[in-house]
């Protein structure tokens, strides 16, 4: 499963023998990383250092080439002191029923 792609499973009552699986991507909002660097008056390299991720990772995520990992998401929230909703979008949510 790719980094940054989350799956949520909700199990229905046992007599139903079905579950709902939701596939979604979590992506930074456009300009969110830039906004954090400007607000904190730091470079993207310094932001990556504070988040304990590589500079290359921060650049690739900011450019939209890769999805952020859970560690990246938590790091950006922690360093920026901003809520998830201000930094990230949930896109492509798809639900599918599967037998349990």
PDB file of N, CA and C in Angstrom:
ATOM      1  N   UNK A   1       0.848  -1.175   0.000  1.00  0.00           N
ATOM      2  CA  UNK A   1       0.000   0.000   0.000  1.00  0.00           C
ATOM      3  C   UNK A   1       0.892   1.236   0.000  1.00  0.00           C
ATOM      4  N   UNK A   2       0.648   2.237  -0.844  1.00  0.00           N
ATOM      5  CA  UNK A   2       1.516   3.414  -0.917  1.00  0.00           C
ATOM      6  C   UNK A   2       1.502   4.207   0.390  1.00  0.00           C
ATOM      7  N   UNK A   3       2.601   4.880   0.657  1.00  0.00           N
ATOM      8  CA  UNK A   3       2.687   5.740   1.830  1.00  0.00           C
ATOM      9  C   UNK A   3       1.676   6.862   1.659  1.00  0.00           C
ATOM     10  N   UNK A   4       0.982   7.189   2.735  1.00  0.00           N
ATOM     11  CA  UNK A   4       0.038   8.286   2.705  1.00  0.00           C
ATOM     12  C   UNK A   4      -1.362   7.866   2.297  1.00  0.00           C
ATOM     13  N   UNK A   5      -1.559   6.613   1.934  1.00  0.00           N
ATOM     14  CA  UNK A   5      -2.892   6.137   1.583  1.00  0.00           C
ATOM     15  C   UNK A   5      -3.426   5.364   2.767  1.00  0.00           C
ATOM     16  N   UNK A   6      -4.580   5.775   3.247  1.00  0.00           N
ATOM     17  CA  UNK A   6      -5.128   5.192   4.451  1.00  0.00           C
ATOM     18  C   UNK A   6      -6.358   4.370   4.112  1.00  0.00           C
ATOM     19  N   UNK A   7      -6.570   3.313   4.846  1.00  0.00           N
ATOM     20  CA  UNK A   7      -7.756   2.486   4.678  1.00  0.00           C
ATOM     21  C   UNK A   7      -8.466   2.421   6.013  1.00  0.00           C
ATOM     22  N   UNK A   8      -9.760   2.647   5.975  1.00  0.00           N
ATOM     23  CA  UNK A   8     -10.584   2.584   7.170  1.00  0.00           C
ATOM     24  C   UNK A   8     -11.587   1.472   6.962  1.00  0.00           C
ATOM     25  N   UNK A   9     -11.659   0.550   7.877  1.00  0.00           N
ATOM     26  CA  UNK A   9     -12.619  -0.558   7.758  1.00  0.00           C
ATOM     27  C   UNK A   9     -13.613  -0.478   8.907  1.00  0.00           C
ATOM     28  N   UNK A  10     -14.868  -0.561   8.557  1.00  0.00           N
ATOM     29  CA  UNK A  10     -15.930  -0.568   9.560  1.00  0.00           C
ATOM     30  C   UNK A  10     -16.647  -1.897   9.420  1.00  0.00           C
ATOM     31  N   UNK A  11     -16.674  -2.658  10.475  1.00  0.00           N
ATOM     32  CA  UNK A  11     -17.316  -3.964  10.425  1.00  0.00           C
ATOM     33  C   UNK A  11     -18.771  -3.827  10.830  1.00  0.00           C
ATOM     34  N   UNK A  12     -19.629  -4.414  10.037  1.00  0.00           N
ATOM     35  CA  UNK A  12     -21.062  -4.445  10.325  1.00  0.00           C
ATOM     36  C   UNK A  12     -21.351  -5.573  11.297  1.00  0.00           C
ATOM     37  N   UNK A  13     -22.559  -5.635  11.823  1.00  0.00           N
ATOM     38  CA  UNK A  13     -22.890  -6.743  12.737  1.00  0.00           C
ATOM     39  C   UNK A  13     -22.546  -8.089  12.113  1.00  0.00           C
ATOM     40  N   UNK A  14     -22.195  -9.052  12.951  1.00  0.00           N
ATOM     41  CA  UNK A  14     -21.705 -10.344  12.459  1.00  0.00           C
ATOM     42  C   UNK A  14     -22.695 -11.042  11.536  1.00  0.00           C
ATOM     43  N   UNK A  15     -23.978 -10.834  11.715  1.00  0.00           N
ATOM     44  CA  UNK A  15     -24.945 -11.498  10.849  1.00  0.00           C
ATOM     45  C   UNK A  15     -24.938 -10.921   9.434  1.00  0.00           C
ATOM     46  N   UNK A  16     -24.380  -9.718   9.267  1.00  0.00           N
ATOM     47  CA  UNK A  16     -24.349  -9.101   7.936  1.00  0.00           C
ATOM     48  C   UNK A  16     -23.202  -9.642   7.089  1.00  0.00           C
ATOM     49  N   UNK A  17     -22.093 -10.036   7.714  1.00  0.00           N
ATOM     50  CA  UNK A  17     -20.912 -10.586   7.025  1.00  0.00           C
ATOM     51  C   UNK A  17     -20.403  -9.660   5.936  1.00  0.00           C
ATOM     52  N   UNK A  18     -20.486  -8.365   6.141  1.00  0.00           N
ATOM     53  CA  UNK A  18     -19.972  -7.381   5.186  1.00  0.00           C
ATOM     54  C   UNK A  18     -19.195  -6.326   5.964  1.00  0.00           C
ATOM     55  N   UNK A  19     -18.309  -5.643   5.272  1.00  0.00           N
ATOM     56  CA  UNK A  19     -17.565  -4.527   5.847  1.00  0.00           C
ATOM     57  C   UNK A  19     -17.473  -3.437   4.789  1.00  0.00           C
ATOM     58  N   UNK A  20     -17.316  -2.207   5.243  1.00  0.00           N
ATOM     59  CA  UNK A  20     -17.134  -1.091   4.333  1.00  0.00           C
ATOM     60  C   UNK A  20     -15.679  -0.657   4.427  1.00  0.00           C
ATOM     61  N   UNK A  21     -15.011  -0.552   3.294  1.00  0.00           N
ATOM     62  CA  UNK A  21     -13.626  -0.111   3.251  1.00  0.00           C
ATOM     63  C   UNK A  21     -13.595   1.218   2.504  1.00  0.00           C
ATOM     64  N   UNK A  22     -12.940   2.209   3.102  1.00  0.00           N
ATOM     65  CA  UNK A  22     -12.836   3.529   2.494  1.00  0.00           C
ATOM     66  C   UNK A  22     -11.378   3.762   2.135  1.00  0.00           C
ATOM     67  N   UNK A  23     -11.108   4.055   0.859  1.00  0.00           N
ATOM     68  CA  UNK A  23      -9.765   4.381   0.392  1.00  0.00           C
ATOM     69  C   UNK A  23      -9.704   5.894   0.190  1.00  0.00           C
ATOM     70  N   UNK A  24      -8.660   6.530   0.697  1.00  0.00           N
ATOM     71  CA  UNK A  24      -8.543   7.972   0.534  1.00  0.00           C
ATOM     72  C   UNK A  24      -7.075   8.370   0.477  1.00  0.00           C
ATOM     73  N   UNK A  25      -6.846   9.551  -0.082  1.00  0.00           N
ATOM     74  CA  UNK A  25      -5.515  10.140  -0.094  1.00  0.00           C
ATOM     75  C   UNK A  25      -5.560  11.400   0.744  1.00  0.00           C
ATOM     76  N   UNK A  26      -4.494  11.635   1.463  1.00  0.00           N
ATOM     77  CA  UNK A  26      -4.348  12.862   2.230  1.00  0.00           C
ATOM     78  C   UNK A  26      -3.202  13.639   1.597  1.00  0.00           C
ATOM     79  N   UNK A  27      -3.511  14.840   1.115  1.00  0.00           N
ATOM     80  CA  UNK A  27      -2.521  15.674   0.441  1.00  0.00           C
ATOM     81  C   UNK A  27      -2.465  17.045   1.101  1.00  0.00           C
ATOM     82  N   UNK A  28      -1.268  17.672   1.094  1.00  0.00           N
ATOM     83  CA  UNK A  28      -1.193  19.031   1.638  1.00  0.00           C
ATOM     84  C   UNK A  28      -2.047  19.976   0.791  1.00  0.00           C
ATOM     85  N   UNK A  29      -2.691  20.918   1.435  1.00  0.00           N
ATOM     86  CA  UNK A  29      -3.433  21.941   0.699  1.00  0.00           C
ATOM     87  C   UNK A  29      -2.435  22.744  -0.121  1.00  0.00           C
ATOM     88  N   UNK A  30      -2.854  23.233  -1.278  1.00  0.00           N
ATOM     89  CA  UNK A  30      -1.941  24.060  -2.083  1.00  0.00           C
ATOM     90  C   UNK A  30      -1.419  25.244  -1.257  1.00  0.00           C
ATOM     91  N   UNK A  31      -0.112  25.391  -1.236  1.00  0.00           N
ATOM     92  CA  UNK A  31       0.522  26.493  -0.511  1.00  0.00           C
ATOM     93  C   UNK A  31       0.660  26.296   0.983  1.00  0.00           C
ATOM     94  N   UNK A  32       0.231  25.151   1.518  1.00  0.00           N
ATOM     95  CA  UNK A  32       0.283  24.937   2.968  1.00  0.00           C
ATOM     96  C   UNK A  32       1.719  24.909   3.490  1.00  0.00           C
ATOM     97  N   UNK A  33       2.590  24.184   2.808  1.00  0.00           N
ATOM     98  CA  UNK A  33       3.980  24.081   3.279  1.00  0.00           C
ATOM     99  C   UNK A  33       4.673  25.437   3.174  1.00  0.00           C
ATOM    100  N   UNK A  34       4.456  26.119   2.054  1.00  0.00           N
ATOM    101  CA  UNK A  34       5.016  27.467   1.877  1.00  0.00           C
ATOM    102  C   UNK A  34       4.501  28.397   2.973  1.00  0.00           C
ATOM    103  N   UNK A  35       3.208  28.303   3.271  1.00  0.00           N
ATOM    104  CA  UNK A  35       2.623  29.151   4.302  1.00  0.00           C
ATOM    105  C   UNK A  35       3.248  28.923   5.668  1.00  0.00           C
ATOM    106  N   UNK A  36       3.531  27.666   5.986  1.00  0.00           N
ATOM    107  CA  UNK A  36       4.166  27.354   7.270  1.00  0.00           C
ATOM    108  C   UNK A  36       5.568  27.949   7.320  1.00  0.00           C
ATOM    109  N   UNK A  37       6.331  27.804   6.239  1.00  0.00           N
ATOM    110  CA  UNK A  37       7.699  28.355   6.238  1.00  0.00           C
ATOM    111  C   UNK A  37       7.678  29.869   6.369  1.00  0.00           C
ATOM    112  N   UNK A  38       6.731  30.521   5.709  1.00  0.00           N
ATOM    113  CA  UNK A  38       6.648  31.987   5.793  1.00  0.00           C
ATOM    114  C   UNK A  38       6.219  32.428   7.192  1.00  0.00           C
ATOM    115  N   UNK A  39       5.224  31.751   7.755  1.00  0.00           N
ATOM    116  CA  UNK A  39       4.732  32.133   9.079  1.00  0.00           C
ATOM    117  C   UNK A  39       5.808  31.958  10.146  1.00  0.00           C
ATOM    118  N   UNK A  40       6.600  30.885  10.014  1.00  0.00           N
ATOM    119  CA  UNK A  40       7.673  30.625  10.983  1.00  0.00           C
ATOM    120  C   UNK A  40       8.980  31.313  10.615  1.00  0.00           C
ATOM    121  N   UNK A  41       9.011  31.912   9.405  1.00  0.00           N
ATOM    122  CA  UNK A  41      10.210  32.586   8.889  1.00  0.00           C
ATOM    123  C   UNK A  41      11.418  31.646   8.859  1.00  0.00           C
ATOM    124  N   UNK A  42      11.187  30.462   8.261  1.00  0.00           N
ATOM    125  CA  UNK A  42      12.252  29.469   8.116  1.00  0.00           C
ATOM    126  C   UNK A  42      12.249  28.956   6.681  1.00  0.00           C
ATOM    127  N   UNK A  43      13.341  28.328   6.289  1.00  0.00           N
ATOM    128  CA  UNK A  43      13.429  27.730   4.951  1.00  0.00           C
ATOM    129  C   UNK A  43      12.717  26.376   4.943  1.00  0.00           C
ATOM    130  N   UNK A  44      12.466  25.874   3.753  1.00  0.00           N
ATOM    131  CA  UNK A  44      11.869  24.539   3.647  1.00  0.00           C
ATOM    132  C   UNK A  44      12.848  23.499   4.196  1.00  0.00           C
ATOM    133  N   UNK A  45      14.139  23.731   4.006  1.00  0.00           N
ATOM    134  CA  UNK A  45      15.145  22.816   4.565  1.00  0.00           C
ATOM    135  C   UNK A  45      15.058  22.774   6.096  1.00  0.00           C
ATOM    136  N   UNK A  46      14.899  23.940   6.713  1.00  0.00           N
ATOM    137  CA  UNK A  46      14.784  23.998   8.177  1.00  0.00           C
ATOM    138  C   UNK A  46      13.479  23.360   8.637  1.00  0.00           C
ATOM    139  N   UNK A  47      12.413  23.560   7.885  1.00  0.00           N
ATOM    140  CA  UNK A  47      11.145  22.918   8.219  1.00  0.00           C
ATOM    141  C   UNK A  47      11.305  21.401   8.207  1.00  0.00           C
ATOM    142  N   UNK A  48      11.947  20.876   7.172  1.00  0.00           N
ATOM    143  CA  UNK A  48      12.171  19.434   7.073  1.00  0.00           C
ATOM    144  C   UNK A  48      13.005  18.937   8.256  1.00  0.00           C
ATOM    145  N   UNK A  49      14.025  19.691   8.627  1.00  0.00           N
ATOM    146  CA  UNK A  49      14.868  19.302   9.766  1.00  0.00           C
ATOM    147  C   UNK A  49      14.036  19.244  11.044  1.00  0.00           C
ATOM    148  N   UNK A  50      13.200  20.245  11.267  1.00  0.00           N
ATOM    149  CA  UNK A  50      12.367  20.274  12.473  1.00  0.00           C
ATOM    150  C   UNK A  50      11.336  19.146  12.476  1.00  0.00           C
ATOM    151  N   UNK A  51      10.899  18.758  11.297  1.00  0.00           N
ATOM    152  CA  UNK A  51       9.921  17.670  11.187  1.00  0.00           C
ATOM    153  C   UNK A  51      10.591  16.302  11.237  1.00  0.00           C
ATOM    154  N   UNK A  52      11.915  16.277  11.173  1.00  0.00           N
ATOM    155  CA  UNK A  52      12.711  15.053  11.157  1.00  0.00           C
ATOM    156  C   UNK A  52      12.416  14.205   9.925  1.00  0.00           C
ATOM    157  N   UNK A  53      12.317  14.884   8.768  1.00  0.00           N
ATOM    158  CA  UNK A  53      12.200  14.212   7.479  1.00  0.00           C
ATOM    159  C   UNK A  53      13.300  14.767   6.582  1.00  0.00           C
ATOM    160  N   UNK A  54      13.581  14.065   5.507  1.00  0.00           N
ATOM    161  CA  UNK A  54      14.616  14.554   4.606  1.00  0.00           C
ATOM    162  C   UNK A  54      14.122  15.766   3.820  1.00  0.00           C
ATOM    163  N   UNK A  55      15.055  16.610   3.440  1.00  0.00           N
ATOM    164  CA  UNK A  55      14.720  17.773   2.618  1.00  0.00           C
ATOM    165  C   UNK A  55      14.108  17.322   1.300  1.00  0.00           C
ATOM    166  N   UNK A  56      14.662  16.255   0.727  1.00  0.00           N
ATOM    167  CA  UNK A  56      14.141  15.740  -0.550  1.00  0.00           C
ATOM    168  C   UNK A  56      12.684  15.317  -0.411  1.00  0.00           C
ATOM    169  N   UNK A  57      12.350  14.687   0.707  1.00  0.00           N
ATOM    170  CA  UNK A  57      10.963  14.277   0.943  1.00  0.00           C
ATOM    171  C   UNK A  57      10.050  15.496   0.995  1.00  0.00           C
ATOM    172  N   UNK A  58      10.450  16.515   1.721  1.00  0.00           N
ATOM    173  CA  UNK A  58       9.642  17.731   1.827  1.00  0.00           C
ATOM    174  C   UNK A  58       9.429  18.356   0.446  1.00  0.00           C
ATOM    175  N   UNK A  59      10.463  18.399  -0.377  1.00  0.00           N
ATOM    176  CA  UNK A  59      10.347  18.958  -1.723  1.00  0.00           C
ATOM    177  C   UNK A  59       9.418  18.112  -2.593  1.00  0.00           C
ATOM    178  N   UNK A  60       9.564  16.784  -2.531  1.00  0.00           N
ATOM    179  CA  UNK A  60       8.722  15.911  -3.365  1.00  0.00           C
ATOM    180  C   UNK A  60       7.247  16.006  -2.966  1.00  0.00           C
ATOM    181  N   UNK A  61       6.984  16.076  -1.675  1.00  0.00           N
ATOM    182  CA  UNK A  61       5.596  16.206  -1.215  1.00  0.00           C
ATOM    183  C   UNK A  61       5.040  17.573  -1.612  1.00  0.00           C
ATOM    184  N   UNK A  62       5.833  18.622  -1.422  1.00  0.00           N
ATOM    185  CA  UNK A  62       5.386  19.971  -1.773  1.00  0.00           C
ATOM    186  C   UNK A  62       5.099  20.087  -3.277  1.00  0.00           C
ATOM    187  N   UNK A  63       5.866  19.367  -4.084  1.00  0.00           N
ATOM    188  CA  UNK A  63       5.678  19.394  -5.544  1.00  0.00           C
ATOM    189  C   UNK A  63       4.556  18.465  -5.996  1.00  0.00           C
ATOM    190  N   UNK A  64       4.023  17.667  -5.079  1.00  0.00           N
ATOM    191  CA  UNK A  64       2.941  16.760  -5.424  1.00  0.00           C
ATOM    192  C   UNK A  64       3.391  15.475  -6.091  1.00  0.00           C
ATOM    193  N   UNK A  65       4.673  15.163  -6.007  1.00  0.00           N
ATOM    194  CA  UNK A  65       5.183  13.948  -6.649  1.00  0.00           C
ATOM    195  C   UNK A  65       4.965  12.700  -5.811  1.00  0.00           C
ATOM    196  N   UNK A  66       4.855  12.859  -4.493  1.00  0.00           N
ATOM    197  CA  UNK A  66       4.579  11.724  -3.605  1.00  0.00           C
ATOM    198  C   UNK A  66       3.563  12.156  -2.556  1.00  0.00           C
ATOM    199  N   UNK A  67       2.889  11.174  -1.987  1.00  0.00           N
ATOM    200  CA  UNK A  67       1.931  11.437  -0.917  1.00  0.00           C
ATOM    201  C   UNK A  67       2.668  11.475   0.415  1.00  0.00           C
ATOM    202  N   UNK A  68       2.200  12.301   1.348  1.00  0.00           N
ATOM    203  CA  UNK A  68       2.873  12.368   2.649  1.00  0.00           C
ATOM    204  C   UNK A  68       2.613  11.125   3.488  1.00  0.00           C
ATOM    205  N   UNK A  69       3.622  10.734   4.231  1.00  0.00           N
ATOM    206  CA  UNK A  69       3.480   9.611   5.157  1.00  0.00           C
ATOM    207  C   UNK A  69       2.776  10.101   6.423  1.00  0.00           C
ATOM    208  N   UNK A  70       2.298   9.178   7.242  1.00  0.00           N
ATOM    209  CA  UNK A  70       1.722   9.600   8.523  1.00  0.00           C
ATOM    210  C   UNK A  70       2.722  10.389   9.378  1.00  0.00           C
ATOM    211  N   UNK A  71       3.998  10.034   9.314  1.00  0.00           N
ATOM    212  CA  UNK A  71       5.019  10.763  10.078  1.00  0.00           C
ATOM    213  C   UNK A  71       5.163  12.193   9.570  1.00  0.00           C
ATOM    214  N   UNK A  72       5.096  12.380   8.245  1.00  0.00           N
ATOM    215  CA  UNK A  72       5.182  13.720   7.671  1.00  0.00           C
ATOM    216  C   UNK A  72       3.983  14.551   8.109  1.00  0.00           C
ATOM    217  N   UNK A  73       2.791  13.963   8.032  1.00  0.00           N
ATOM    218  CA  UNK A  73       1.567  14.661   8.423  1.00  0.00           C
ATOM    219  C   UNK A  73       1.658  15.098   9.885  1.00  0.00           C
ATOM    220  N   UNK A  74       2.034  14.174  10.759  1.00  0.00           N
ATOM    221  CA  UNK A  74       2.156  14.494  12.183  1.00  0.00           C
ATOM    222  C   UNK A  74       3.237  15.546  12.421  1.00  0.00           C
ATOM    223  N   UNK A  75       4.343  15.439  11.699  1.00  0.00           N
ATOM    224  CA  UNK A  75       5.434  16.405  11.854  1.00  0.00           C
ATOM    225  C   UNK A  75       5.027  17.808  11.467  1.00  0.00           C
ATOM    226  N   UNK A  76       4.305  17.943  10.346  1.00  0.00           N
ATOM    227  CA  UNK A  76       3.883  19.273   9.900  1.00  0.00           C
ATOM    228  C   UNK A  76       2.870  19.873  10.872  1.00  0.00           C
ATOM    229  N   UNK A  77       1.962  19.051  11.361  1.00  0.00           N
ATOM    230  CA  UNK A  77       0.984  19.538  12.347  1.00  0.00           C
ATOM    231  C   UNK A  77       1.713  19.987  13.615  1.00  0.00           C
ATOM    232  N   UNK A  78       2.666  19.193  14.070  1.00  0.00           N
ATOM    233  CA  UNK A  78       3.400  19.502  15.300  1.00  0.00           C
ATOM    234  C   UNK A  78       4.231  20.776  15.161  1.00  0.00           C
ATOM    235  N   UNK A  79       4.998  20.879  14.091  1.00  0.00           N
ATOM    236  CA  UNK A  79       5.884  22.037  13.910  1.00  0.00           C
ATOM    237  C   UNK A  79       5.080  23.305  13.660  1.00  0.00           C
ATOM    238  N   UNK A  80       4.027  23.202  12.875  1.00  0.00           N
ATOM    239  CA  UNK A  80       3.258  24.396  12.513  1.00  0.00           C
ATOM    240  C   UNK A  80       2.277  24.830  13.599  1.00  0.00           C
ATOM    241  N   UNK A  81       1.906  23.897  14.484  1.00  0.00           N
ATOM    242  CA  UNK A  81       0.884  24.151  15.512  1.00  0.00           C
ATOM    243  C   UNK A  81      -0.446  24.562  14.871  1.00  0.00           C
ATOM    244  N   UNK A  82      -0.718  24.021  13.686  1.00  0.00           N
ATOM    245  CA  UNK A  82      -1.975  24.265  12.988  1.00  0.00           C
ATOM    246  C   UNK A  82      -2.772  22.968  12.942  1.00  0.00           C
ATOM    247  N   UNK A  83      -4.091  23.053  12.900  1.00  0.00           N
ATOM    248  CA  UNK A  83      -4.890  21.830  12.843  1.00  0.00           C
ATOM    249  C   UNK A  83      -4.802  21.159  11.473  1.00  0.00           C
ATOM    250  N   UNK A  84      -5.064  19.871  11.465  1.00  0.00           N
ATOM    251  CA  UNK A  84      -5.041  19.064  10.250  1.00  0.00           C
ATOM    252  C   UNK A  84      -5.826  19.723   9.125  1.00  0.00           C
ATOM    253  N   UNK A  85      -7.025  20.203   9.436  1.00  0.00           N
ATOM    254  CA  UNK A  85      -7.932  20.743   8.423  1.00  0.00           C
ATOM    255  C   UNK A  85      -7.365  21.956   7.695  1.00  0.00           C
ATOM    256  N   UNK A  86      -6.473  22.701   8.336  1.00  0.00           N
ATOM    257  CA  UNK A  86      -5.873  23.872   7.696  1.00  0.00           C
ATOM    258  C   UNK A  86      -4.701  23.499   6.799  1.00  0.00           C
ATOM    259  N   UNK A  87      -4.137  22.322   6.988  1.00  0.00           N
ATOM    260  CA  UNK A  87      -2.936  21.921   6.258  1.00  0.00           C
ATOM    261  C   UNK A  87      -3.181  20.889   5.163  1.00  0.00           C
ATOM    262  N   UNK A  88      -4.190  20.038   5.329  1.00  0.00           N
ATOM    263  CA  UNK A  88      -4.369  18.899   4.430  1.00  0.00           C
ATOM    264  C   UNK A  88      -5.790  18.793   3.896  1.00  0.00           C
ATOM    265  N   UNK A  89      -5.889  18.192   2.712  1.00  0.00           N
ATOM    266  CA  UNK A  89      -7.164  17.836   2.108  1.00  0.00           C
ATOM    267  C   UNK A  89      -7.254  16.319   2.034  1.00  0.00           C
ATOM    268  N   UNK A  90      -8.444  15.797   2.201  1.00  0.00           N
ATOM    269  CA  UNK A  90      -8.705  14.378   1.973  1.00  0.00           C
ATOM    270  C   UNK A  90      -9.367  14.297   0.608  1.00  0.00           C
ATOM    271  N   UNK A  91      -8.739  13.566  -0.300  1.00  0.00           N
ATOM    272  CA  UNK A  91      -9.246  13.490  -1.672  1.00  0.00           C
ATOM    273  C   UNK A  91      -9.443  12.038  -2.092  1.00  0.00           C
ATOM    274  N   UNK A  92     -10.325  11.863  -3.048  1.00  0.00           N
ATOM    275  CA  UNK A  92     -10.512  10.549  -3.654  1.00  0.00           C
ATOM    276  C   UNK A  92     -11.083   9.505  -2.743  1.00  0.00           C
ATOM    277  N   UNK A  93     -11.918   9.904  -1.784  1.00  0.00           N
ATOM    278  CA  UNK A  93     -12.510   8.906  -0.894  1.00  0.00           C
ATOM    279  C   UNK A  93     -13.441   8.015  -1.669  1.00  0.00           C
ATOM    280  N   UNK A  94     -13.187   6.730  -1.627  1.00  0.00           N
ATOM    281  CA  UNK A  94     -14.007   5.732  -2.314  1.00  0.00           C
ATOM    282  C   UNK A  94     -14.406   4.670  -1.301  1.00  0.00           C
ATOM    283  N   UNK A  95     -15.655   4.296  -1.321  1.00  0.00           N
ATOM    284  CA  UNK A  95     -16.115   3.249  -0.395  1.00  0.00           C
ATOM    285  C   UNK A  95     -16.438   1.999  -1.196  1.00  0.00           C
ATOM    286  N   UNK A  96     -16.107   0.855  -0.614  1.00  0.00           N
ATOM    287  CA  UNK A  96     -16.458  -0.408  -1.242  1.00  0.00           C
ATOM    288  C   UNK A  96     -16.869  -1.390  -0.158  1.00  0.00           C
ATOM    289  N   UNK A  97     -17.853  -2.182  -0.470  1.00  0.00           N
ATOM    290  CA  UNK A  97     -18.300  -3.211   0.467  1.00  0.00           C
ATOM    291  C   UNK A  97     -17.513  -4.485   0.174  1.00  0.00           C
ATOM    292  N   UNK A  98     -17.038  -5.096   1.212  1.00  0.00           N
ATOM    293  CA  UNK A  98     -16.302  -6.368   1.074  1.00  0.00           C
ATOM    294  C   UNK A  98     -16.879  -7.360   2.066  1.00  0.00           C
ATOM    295  N   UNK A  99     -16.804  -8.649   1.727  1.00  0.00           N
ATOM    296  CA  UNK A  99     -17.283  -9.656   2.671  1.00  0.00           C
ATOM    297  C   UNK A  99     -16.263  -9.845   3.774  1.00  0.00           C
ATOM    298  N   UNK A 100     -16.765  -9.985   4.953  1.00  0.00           N
ATOM    299  CA  UNK A 100     -15.896 -10.124   6.122  1.00  0.00           C
ATOM    300  C   UNK A 100     -15.589 -11.579   6.388  1.00  0.00           C
TER     301      UNK A 100
END
